[in-house]
Structure formats: structure tokens, C-alpha cells
Amino acid sequence: MADNLSPEDRKKTMRAVKGKGTKPERMLFSMLAGMHLKGWRKNADDIMGKPDVVFPLEQVAIFVDGCFWHGCPHCQRKLPQTNRGYWERKVNRNIELARQNNQKLGEAGWLVIRIWEHEIRNPAERKHIRDKINNAINSRMNYQ
């Protein structure tokens, strides 16, 4: 896949990429509301790594990782051929930041759940996601 944009147009396009309120995030928010779970909040800018959802009392952090931006091993989306070094560094940096945030949050007592974009978009996978979230919340409530 070639990057057919000029550097200036690429810069404009990258600035327009949403970091919050993406469709996979909205699907997660809708799922949580449908599960009738209480005590969660979205886009926790005050928590390390800025999780998409946190359950503060249970110390559960949920991230929805975009398959392209976070280098999903299942999807293996191709990087643009133009400026390939930039894209490789960008995705590898996102992977490393996620790993560091998982480690630091875990050390601080948080349980981290990461959901891939392709998982939340797949209706068959959503039951597994709901089960994972319920199990995490219930296990953490037992410790309080």
C-alpha cells in the first residue's frame, strides 16, 4: 500500500485521526451499558496510559487497541510502503507503550484488559469480551 499523500497532506490527515470516541470504543461503551454495570467511566485521562474505560473501585482498566495502530498479530495489516520506517517506528512504539502501561498498571494493583478492534467488531467475540469483563469485575470485588 503506497502513501499517496504529500508530507503536508499526511500531517493534516494524521492530526484528524481520532484518539477518543472511535467506533470500537463506542461499541465497548454500549456493551457496558447493556451489561448494566455501574461505576465505570470512559477516557480516564488521569490514569496511566489513559484507558478507554476504568472501573476505579475495582481497579480494572480496559483498552480497545486498533488493529493497525497497535500491530495486531491476528490481522497483520500492511503498513504503507511510502515512509515505511516512520510507520514501523510508530506501530512499534505503540506496542511498547502498551506493554509498559500494562506493566506499570499491574505494579500499581490494576487489572488490565486489552481488547483488539477486530474482536469488538465481531459479534461472536463479544460474548467472550463480556465474560472477561464480568470475571474481572467480580474477582476484584471479592478482594474488597
N, C-alpha and C. Protein backbone atom coordinates (compact mmCIF):
# COMPACT_ATOMS: atom_id res chain seq x y z
N MET A 1 0.86 -1.17 0.00
CA MET A 1 0.00 0.00 0.00
C MET A 1 0.90 1.23 0.00
N ALA A 2 0.74 2.07 -0.99
CA ALA A 2 1.55 3.28 -1.11
C ALA A 2 0.88 4.44 -0.40
N ASP A 3 1.68 5.30 0.17
CA ASP A 3 1.18 6.52 0.78
C ASP A 3 1.18 7.57 -0.32
N ASN A 4 0.00 7.90 -0.84
CA ASN A 4 -0.09 8.80 -1.98
C ASN A 4 -0.30 10.26 -1.59
N LEU A 5 -0.06 10.59 -0.34
CA LEU A 5 -0.24 11.96 0.12
C LEU A 5 1.10 12.67 0.24
N SER A 6 1.05 13.97 0.05
CA SER A 6 2.25 14.78 0.27
C SER A 6 2.51 14.82 1.77
N PRO A 7 3.75 15.16 2.17
CA PRO A 7 4.03 15.24 3.61
C PRO A 7 3.08 16.19 4.34
N GLU A 8 2.73 17.32 3.73
CA GLU A 8 1.81 18.26 4.38
C GLU A 8 0.40 17.68 4.50
N ASP A 9 -0.07 17.02 3.44
CA ASP A 9 -1.39 16.38 3.50
C ASP A 9 -1.39 15.22 4.50
N ARG A 10 -0.29 14.50 4.58
CA ARG A 10 -0.19 13.39 5.54
C ARG A 10 -0.28 13.95 6.97
N LYS A 11 0.39 15.08 7.19
CA LYS A 11 0.36 15.71 8.52
C LYS A 11 -1.08 16.10 8.88
N LYS A 12 -1.82 16.67 7.94
CA LYS A 12 -3.22 17.04 8.19
C LYS A 12 -4.06 15.81 8.49
N THR A 13 -3.84 14.77 7.72
CA THR A 13 -4.60 13.53 7.90
C THR A 13 -4.32 12.92 9.26
N MET A 14 -3.07 12.89 9.66
CA MET A 14 -2.71 12.30 10.94
C MET A 14 -3.28 13.11 12.10
N ARG A 15 -3.34 14.42 11.96
CA ARG A 15 -3.93 15.26 13.01
C ARG A 15 -5.42 15.00 13.17
N ALA A 16 -6.06 14.56 12.09
CA ALA A 16 -7.50 14.31 12.12
C ALA A 16 -7.86 12.93 12.68
N VAL A 17 -6.86 12.07 12.86
CA VAL A 17 -7.13 10.74 13.40
C VAL A 17 -7.60 10.87 14.83
N LYS A 18 -8.74 10.26 15.11
CA LYS A 18 -9.34 10.38 16.44
C LYS A 18 -8.64 9.44 17.41
N GLY A 19 -8.40 9.94 18.61
CA GLY A 19 -7.84 9.11 19.67
C GLY A 19 -8.91 8.70 20.66
N LYS A 20 -10.02 9.42 20.67
CA LYS A 20 -11.13 9.13 21.58
C LYS A 20 -12.41 9.09 20.78
N GLY A 21 -13.36 8.32 21.28
CA GLY A 21 -14.67 8.27 20.64
C GLY A 21 -14.69 7.51 19.34
N THR A 22 -13.75 6.60 19.16
CA THR A 22 -13.73 5.79 17.95
C THR A 22 -14.90 4.82 17.96
N LYS A 23 -15.22 4.26 16.81
CA LYS A 23 -16.34 3.31 16.74
C LYS A 23 -16.12 2.11 17.67
N PRO A 24 -14.93 1.49 17.68
CA PRO A 24 -14.74 0.38 18.63
C PRO A 24 -14.93 0.80 20.09
N GLU A 25 -14.51 2.00 20.45
CA GLU A 25 -14.73 2.49 21.82
C GLU A 25 -16.22 2.66 22.09
N ARG A 26 -16.93 3.25 21.15
CA ARG A 26 -18.37 3.44 21.34
C ARG A 26 -19.07 2.08 21.46
N MET A 27 -18.60 1.09 20.75
CA MET A 27 -19.17 -0.25 20.86
C MET A 27 -18.94 -0.81 22.26
N LEU A 28 -17.76 -0.56 22.83
CA LEU A 28 -17.47 -1.01 24.19
C LEU A 28 -18.38 -0.28 25.18
N PHE A 29 -18.52 1.02 25.05
CA PHE A 29 -19.38 1.78 25.96
C PHE A 29 -20.81 1.25 25.91
N SER A 30 -21.29 0.99 24.71
CA SER A 30 -22.64 0.46 24.54
C SER A 30 -22.77 -0.92 25.18
N MET A 31 -21.73 -1.75 25.00
CA MET A 31 -21.73 -3.08 25.59
C MET A 31 -21.81 -2.98 27.11
N LEU A 32 -21.02 -2.11 27.71
CA LEU A 32 -21.02 -1.97 29.17
C LEU A 32 -22.37 -1.47 29.68
N ALA A 33 -22.96 -0.54 28.96
CA ALA A 33 -24.29 -0.05 29.35
C ALA A 33 -25.31 -1.18 29.27
N GLY A 34 -25.22 -1.99 28.23
CA GLY A 34 -26.13 -3.13 28.07
C GLY A 34 -25.93 -4.20 29.13
N MET A 35 -24.74 -4.26 29.70
CA MET A 35 -24.45 -5.23 30.76
C MET A 35 -24.94 -4.72 32.12
N HIS A 36 -25.42 -3.49 32.17
CA HIS A 36 -25.92 -2.85 33.39
C HIS A 36 -24.86 -2.77 34.48
N LEU A 37 -23.61 -2.60 34.06
CA LEU A 37 -22.53 -2.43 35.03
C LEU A 37 -22.49 -0.98 35.49
N LYS A 38 -22.18 -0.80 36.74
CA LYS A 38 -22.13 0.54 37.33
C LYS A 38 -20.69 0.86 37.73
N GLY A 39 -20.42 2.15 37.90
CA GLY A 39 -19.15 2.58 38.46
C GLY A 39 -18.01 2.70 37.48
N TRP A 40 -18.28 2.66 36.19
CA TRP A 40 -17.21 2.80 35.22
C TRP A 40 -17.25 4.21 34.63
N ARG A 41 -16.09 4.61 34.14
CA ARG A 41 -16.03 5.88 33.43
C ARG A 41 -15.13 5.72 32.22
N LYS A 42 -15.38 6.56 31.25
CA LYS A 42 -14.63 6.43 30.00
C LYS A 42 -13.54 7.48 29.89
N ASN A 43 -12.55 7.16 29.04
CA ASN A 43 -11.44 8.06 28.72
C ASN A 43 -10.81 8.64 29.97
N ALA A 44 -10.23 7.77 30.77
CA ALA A 44 -9.64 8.16 32.06
C ALA A 44 -8.26 8.79 31.84
N ASP A 45 -8.26 10.09 31.59
CA ASP A 45 -7.00 10.80 31.34
C ASP A 45 -6.11 10.87 32.57
N ASP A 46 -6.67 10.61 33.75
CA ASP A 46 -5.90 10.71 34.99
C ASP A 46 -5.26 9.38 35.40
N ILE A 47 -5.46 8.33 34.60
CA ILE A 47 -4.88 7.02 34.88
C ILE A 47 -3.79 6.75 33.84
N MET A 48 -2.69 6.17 34.29
CA MET A 48 -1.56 5.87 33.42
C MET A 48 -2.02 5.13 32.15
N GLY A 49 -1.60 5.61 31.00
CA GLY A 49 -1.94 5.00 29.73
C GLY A 49 -3.27 5.47 29.16
N LYS A 50 -4.02 6.25 29.93
CA LYS A 50 -5.31 6.79 29.52
C LYS A 50 -6.25 5.68 29.01
N PRO A 51 -6.64 4.76 29.90
CA PRO A 51 -7.54 3.68 29.47
C PRO A 51 -8.84 4.21 28.88
N ASP A 52 -9.42 3.42 27.97
CA ASP A 52 -10.69 3.80 27.37
C ASP A 52 -11.82 3.70 28.40
N VAL A 53 -11.70 2.74 29.31
CA VAL A 53 -12.69 2.57 30.39
C VAL A 53 -11.94 2.15 31.65
N VAL A 54 -12.37 2.70 32.78
CA VAL A 54 -11.87 2.23 34.07
C VAL A 54 -13.03 1.97 35.01
N PHE A 55 -12.83 0.98 35.84
CA PHE A 55 -13.68 0.72 37.00
C PHE A 55 -12.78 1.07 38.19
N PRO A 56 -12.85 2.30 38.68
CA PRO A 56 -11.88 2.75 39.68
C PRO A 56 -11.92 1.96 40.99
N LEU A 57 -13.08 1.63 41.48
CA LEU A 57 -13.16 0.91 42.75
C LEU A 57 -12.54 -0.48 42.65
N GLU A 58 -12.76 -1.13 41.53
CA GLU A 58 -12.23 -2.48 41.32
C GLU A 58 -10.81 -2.46 40.75
N GLN A 59 -10.36 -1.30 40.35
CA GLN A 59 -9.06 -1.10 39.71
C GLN A 59 -8.90 -2.00 38.48
N VAL A 60 -9.87 -1.87 37.57
CA VAL A 60 -9.83 -2.57 36.29
C VAL A 60 -9.75 -1.51 35.19
N ALA A 61 -8.78 -1.66 34.31
CA ALA A 61 -8.59 -0.74 33.18
C ALA A 61 -8.79 -1.51 31.89
N ILE A 62 -9.57 -0.93 30.97
CA ILE A 62 -9.85 -1.57 29.70
C ILE A 62 -9.38 -0.66 28.57
N PHE A 63 -8.64 -1.25 27.64
CA PHE A 63 -8.17 -0.55 26.45
C PHE A 63 -8.73 -1.26 25.22
N VAL A 64 -9.16 -0.48 24.23
CA VAL A 64 -9.51 -1.04 22.93
C VAL A 64 -8.39 -0.61 21.98
N ASP A 65 -7.63 -1.59 21.51
CA ASP A 65 -6.49 -1.30 20.65
C ASP A 65 -6.86 -1.47 19.18
N GLY A 66 -6.62 -0.43 18.39
CA GLY A 66 -6.84 -0.51 16.95
C GLY A 66 -5.86 -1.47 16.32
N CYS A 67 -6.36 -2.33 15.46
CA CYS A 67 -5.51 -3.37 14.86
C CYS A 67 -4.35 -2.79 14.06
N PHE A 68 -4.57 -1.72 13.30
CA PHE A 68 -3.48 -1.11 12.54
C PHE A 68 -2.49 -0.42 13.47
N TRP A 69 -2.99 0.43 14.36
CA TRP A 69 -2.13 1.28 15.17
C TRP A 69 -1.33 0.51 16.21
N HIS A 70 -1.81 -0.66 16.62
CA HIS A 70 -1.14 -1.42 17.67
C HIS A 70 -0.55 -2.73 17.17
N GLY A 71 -0.50 -2.91 15.85
CA GLY A 71 0.18 -4.07 15.27
C GLY A 71 -0.45 -5.41 15.63
N CYS A 72 -1.75 -5.54 15.43
CA CYS A 72 -2.45 -6.77 15.77
C CYS A 72 -1.82 -7.98 15.08
N PRO A 73 -1.40 -8.99 15.85
CA PRO A 73 -0.79 -10.17 15.23
C PRO A 73 -1.80 -11.01 14.43
N HIS A 74 -3.08 -10.87 14.75
CA HIS A 74 -4.11 -11.63 14.04
C HIS A 74 -4.38 -11.01 12.66
N CYS A 75 -4.57 -9.70 12.64
CA CYS A 75 -4.92 -9.00 11.40
C CYS A 75 -3.71 -8.76 10.49
N GLN A 76 -2.57 -8.51 11.09
CA GLN A 76 -1.33 -8.24 10.34
C GLN A 76 -1.56 -7.26 9.19
N ARG A 77 -2.16 -6.12 9.53
CA ARG A 77 -2.43 -5.12 8.50
C ARG A 77 -1.12 -4.59 7.93
N LYS A 78 -1.12 -4.39 6.64
CA LYS A 78 0.09 -3.93 5.96
C LYS A 78 0.31 -2.45 6.20
N LEU A 79 1.56 -2.12 6.40
CA LEU A 79 1.95 -0.71 6.56
C LEU A 79 2.12 -0.09 5.18
N PRO A 80 1.92 1.23 5.08
CA PRO A 80 2.17 1.89 3.80
C PRO A 80 3.63 1.70 3.37
N GLN A 81 3.84 1.58 2.09
CA GLN A 81 5.19 1.40 1.56
C GLN A 81 5.99 2.70 1.61
N THR A 82 5.30 3.81 1.41
CA THR A 82 5.96 5.11 1.47
C THR A 82 6.22 5.46 2.93
N ASN A 83 7.44 5.88 3.19
CA ASN A 83 7.84 6.28 4.54
C ASN A 83 7.67 5.13 5.53
N ARG A 84 8.02 3.94 5.07
CA ARG A 84 7.81 2.71 5.84
C ARG A 84 8.51 2.76 7.21
N GLY A 85 9.69 3.34 7.26
CA GLY A 85 10.41 3.42 8.53
C GLY A 85 9.62 4.18 9.58
N TYR A 86 8.96 5.26 9.16
CA TYR A 86 8.13 6.03 10.07
C TYR A 86 7.01 5.16 10.64
N TRP A 87 6.32 4.44 9.76
CA TRP A 87 5.18 3.63 10.18
C TRP A 87 5.62 2.49 11.09
N GLU A 88 6.74 1.88 10.77
CA GLU A 88 7.24 0.79 11.63
C GLU A 88 7.57 1.32 13.03
N ARG A 89 8.24 2.47 13.09
CA ARG A 89 8.56 3.07 14.39
C ARG A 89 7.29 3.43 15.15
N LYS A 90 6.31 4.00 14.43
CA LYS A 90 5.05 4.42 15.05
C LYS A 90 4.33 3.23 15.69
N VAL A 91 4.15 2.16 14.94
CA VAL A 91 3.43 0.99 15.44
C VAL A 91 4.24 0.31 16.55
N ASN A 92 5.55 0.15 16.35
CA ASN A 92 6.37 -0.48 17.38
C ASN A 92 6.38 0.33 18.68
N ARG A 93 6.36 1.65 18.56
CA ARG A 93 6.30 2.50 19.75
C ARG A 93 4.96 2.30 20.48
N ASN A 94 3.88 2.20 19.73
CA ASN A 94 2.57 1.95 20.35
C ASN A 94 2.55 0.61 21.08
N ILE A 95 3.15 -0.40 20.48
CA ILE A 95 3.21 -1.73 21.11
C ILE A 95 4.02 -1.64 22.40
N GLU A 96 5.14 -0.96 22.35
CA GLU A 96 5.99 -0.84 23.55
C GLU A 96 5.31 -0.03 24.64
N LEU A 97 4.64 1.05 24.27
CA LEU A 97 3.92 1.85 25.27
C LEU A 97 2.83 1.03 25.94
N ALA A 98 2.11 0.23 25.17
CA ALA A 98 1.06 -0.63 25.73
C ALA A 98 1.68 -1.62 26.72
N ARG A 99 2.80 -2.21 26.36
CA ARG A 99 3.47 -3.16 27.24
C ARG A 99 3.90 -2.48 28.55
N GLN A 100 4.50 -1.30 28.43
CA GLN A 100 4.93 -0.56 29.61
C GLN A 100 3.76 -0.16 30.49
N ASN A 101 2.67 0.30 29.87
CA ASN A 101 1.49 0.69 30.65
C ASN A 101 0.89 -0.52 31.35
N ASN A 102 0.83 -1.66 30.68
CA ASN A 102 0.32 -2.88 31.32
C ASN A 102 1.15 -3.21 32.56
N GLN A 103 2.46 -3.14 32.39
CA GLN A 103 3.36 -3.48 33.50
C GLN A 103 3.19 -2.50 34.66
N LYS A 104 3.21 -1.20 34.37
CA LYS A 104 3.11 -0.20 35.43
C LYS A 104 1.74 -0.24 36.11
N LEU A 105 0.69 -0.41 35.35
CA LEU A 105 -0.64 -0.51 35.95
C LEU A 105 -0.73 -1.76 36.83
N GLY A 106 -0.19 -2.87 36.35
CA GLY A 106 -0.18 -4.09 37.15
C GLY A 106 0.58 -3.92 38.45
N GLU A 107 1.73 -3.26 38.39
CA GLU A 107 2.51 -3.00 39.59
C GLU A 107 1.77 -2.09 40.57
N ALA A 108 0.88 -1.25 40.04
CA ALA A 108 0.09 -0.34 40.89
C ALA A 108 -1.21 -1.00 41.37
N GLY A 109 -1.39 -2.29 41.05
CA GLY A 109 -2.55 -3.01 41.54
C GLY A 109 -3.74 -3.07 40.60
N TRP A 110 -3.57 -2.58 39.38
CA TRP A 110 -4.65 -2.60 38.40
C TRP A 110 -4.65 -3.91 37.62
N LEU A 111 -5.84 -4.35 37.25
CA LEU A 111 -6.00 -5.46 36.32
C LEU A 111 -6.29 -4.84 34.96
N VAL A 112 -5.52 -5.21 33.95
CA VAL A 112 -5.64 -4.60 32.62
C VAL A 112 -6.28 -5.59 31.66
N ILE A 113 -7.27 -5.12 30.93
CA ILE A 113 -7.90 -5.90 29.86
C ILE A 113 -7.65 -5.16 28.56
N ARG A 114 -7.11 -5.85 27.58
CA ARG A 114 -6.90 -5.26 26.25
C ARG A 114 -7.79 -6.01 25.27
N ILE A 115 -8.52 -5.24 24.49
CA ILE A 115 -9.44 -5.79 23.50
C ILE A 115 -8.99 -5.28 22.14
N TRP A 116 -8.85 -6.19 21.19
CA TRP A 116 -8.49 -5.80 19.83
C TRP A 116 -9.73 -5.28 19.10
N GLU A 117 -9.51 -4.34 18.23
CA GLU A 117 -10.58 -3.79 17.40
C GLU A 117 -11.34 -4.89 16.67
N HIS A 118 -10.64 -5.86 16.10
CA HIS A 118 -11.34 -6.91 15.35
C HIS A 118 -12.21 -7.78 16.26
N GLU A 119 -11.84 -7.87 17.55
CA GLU A 119 -12.64 -8.66 18.48
C GLU A 119 -13.97 -7.97 18.78
N ILE A 120 -13.92 -6.69 19.07
CA ILE A 120 -15.15 -5.98 19.44
C ILE A 120 -16.08 -5.82 18.25
N ARG A 121 -15.52 -5.81 17.06
CA ARG A 121 -16.34 -5.70 15.85
C ARG A 121 -17.01 -7.02 15.48
N ASN A 122 -16.54 -8.13 16.05
CA ASN A 122 -17.06 -9.46 15.71
C ASN A 122 -18.13 -9.87 16.72
N PRO A 123 -19.39 -9.98 16.29
CA PRO A 123 -20.46 -10.34 17.22
C PRO A 123 -20.19 -11.64 17.99
N ALA A 124 -19.55 -12.59 17.37
CA ALA A 124 -19.26 -13.87 18.04
C ALA A 124 -18.25 -13.70 19.17
N GLU A 125 -17.38 -12.71 19.06
CA GLU A 125 -16.35 -12.46 20.09
C GLU A 125 -16.88 -11.65 21.28
N ARG A 126 -17.98 -10.94 21.08
CA ARG A 126 -18.46 -10.03 22.12
C ARG A 126 -18.86 -10.76 23.40
N LYS A 127 -19.41 -11.97 23.28
CA LYS A 127 -19.76 -12.73 24.49
C LYS A 127 -18.50 -13.03 25.29
N HIS A 128 -17.44 -13.40 24.62
CA HIS A 128 -16.16 -13.65 25.29
C HIS A 128 -15.67 -12.38 26.00
N ILE A 129 -15.81 -11.24 25.35
CA ILE A 129 -15.40 -9.96 25.95
C ILE A 129 -16.24 -9.67 27.19
N ARG A 130 -17.56 -9.83 27.07
CA ARG A 130 -18.43 -9.60 28.22
C ARG A 130 -18.06 -10.51 29.39
N ASP A 131 -17.80 -11.78 29.09
CA ASP A 131 -17.40 -12.73 30.14
C ASP A 131 -16.10 -12.30 30.80
N LYS A 132 -15.14 -11.87 29.99
CA LYS A 132 -13.84 -11.44 30.51
C LYS A 132 -14.01 -10.25 31.45
N ILE A 133 -14.85 -9.29 31.05
CA ILE A 133 -15.07 -8.10 31.87
C ILE A 133 -15.80 -8.48 33.16
N ASN A 134 -16.86 -9.27 33.04
CA ASN A 134 -17.59 -9.70 34.24
C ASN A 134 -16.70 -10.45 35.21
N ASN A 135 -15.88 -11.36 34.70
CA ASN A 135 -14.97 -12.12 35.56
C ASN A 135 -13.98 -11.21 36.26
N ALA A 136 -13.47 -10.23 35.52
CA ALA A 136 -12.50 -9.30 36.12
C ALA A 136 -13.15 -8.48 37.23
N ILE A 137 -14.32 -7.93 36.96
CA ILE A 137 -15.01 -7.11 37.96
C ILE A 137 -15.35 -7.95 39.19
N ASN A 138 -15.92 -9.13 38.96
CA ASN A 138 -16.32 -9.99 40.08
C ASN A 138 -15.12 -10.44 40.90
N SER A 139 -14.02 -10.77 40.26
CA SER A 139 -12.85 -11.21 41.00
C SER A 139 -12.27 -10.08 41.84
N ARG A 140 -12.33 -8.88 41.33
CA ARG A 140 -11.80 -7.73 42.07
C ARG A 140 -12.72 -7.32 43.21
N MET A 141 -14.01 -7.50 43.05
CA MET A 141 -14.96 -7.16 44.10
C MET A 141 -14.79 -8.08 45.31
N ASN A 142 -14.36 -9.31 45.06
CA ASN A 142 -14.16 -10.27 46.15
C ASN A 142 -12.98 -9.91 47.05
N TYR A 143 -12.08 -9.07 46.53
CA TYR A 143 -10.89 -8.69 47.31
C TYR A 143 -11.16 -7.48 48.19
N GLN A 144 -12.28 -6.82 48.02
CA GLN A 144 -12.53 -5.58 48.77
C GLN A 144 -13.25 -5.85 50.06
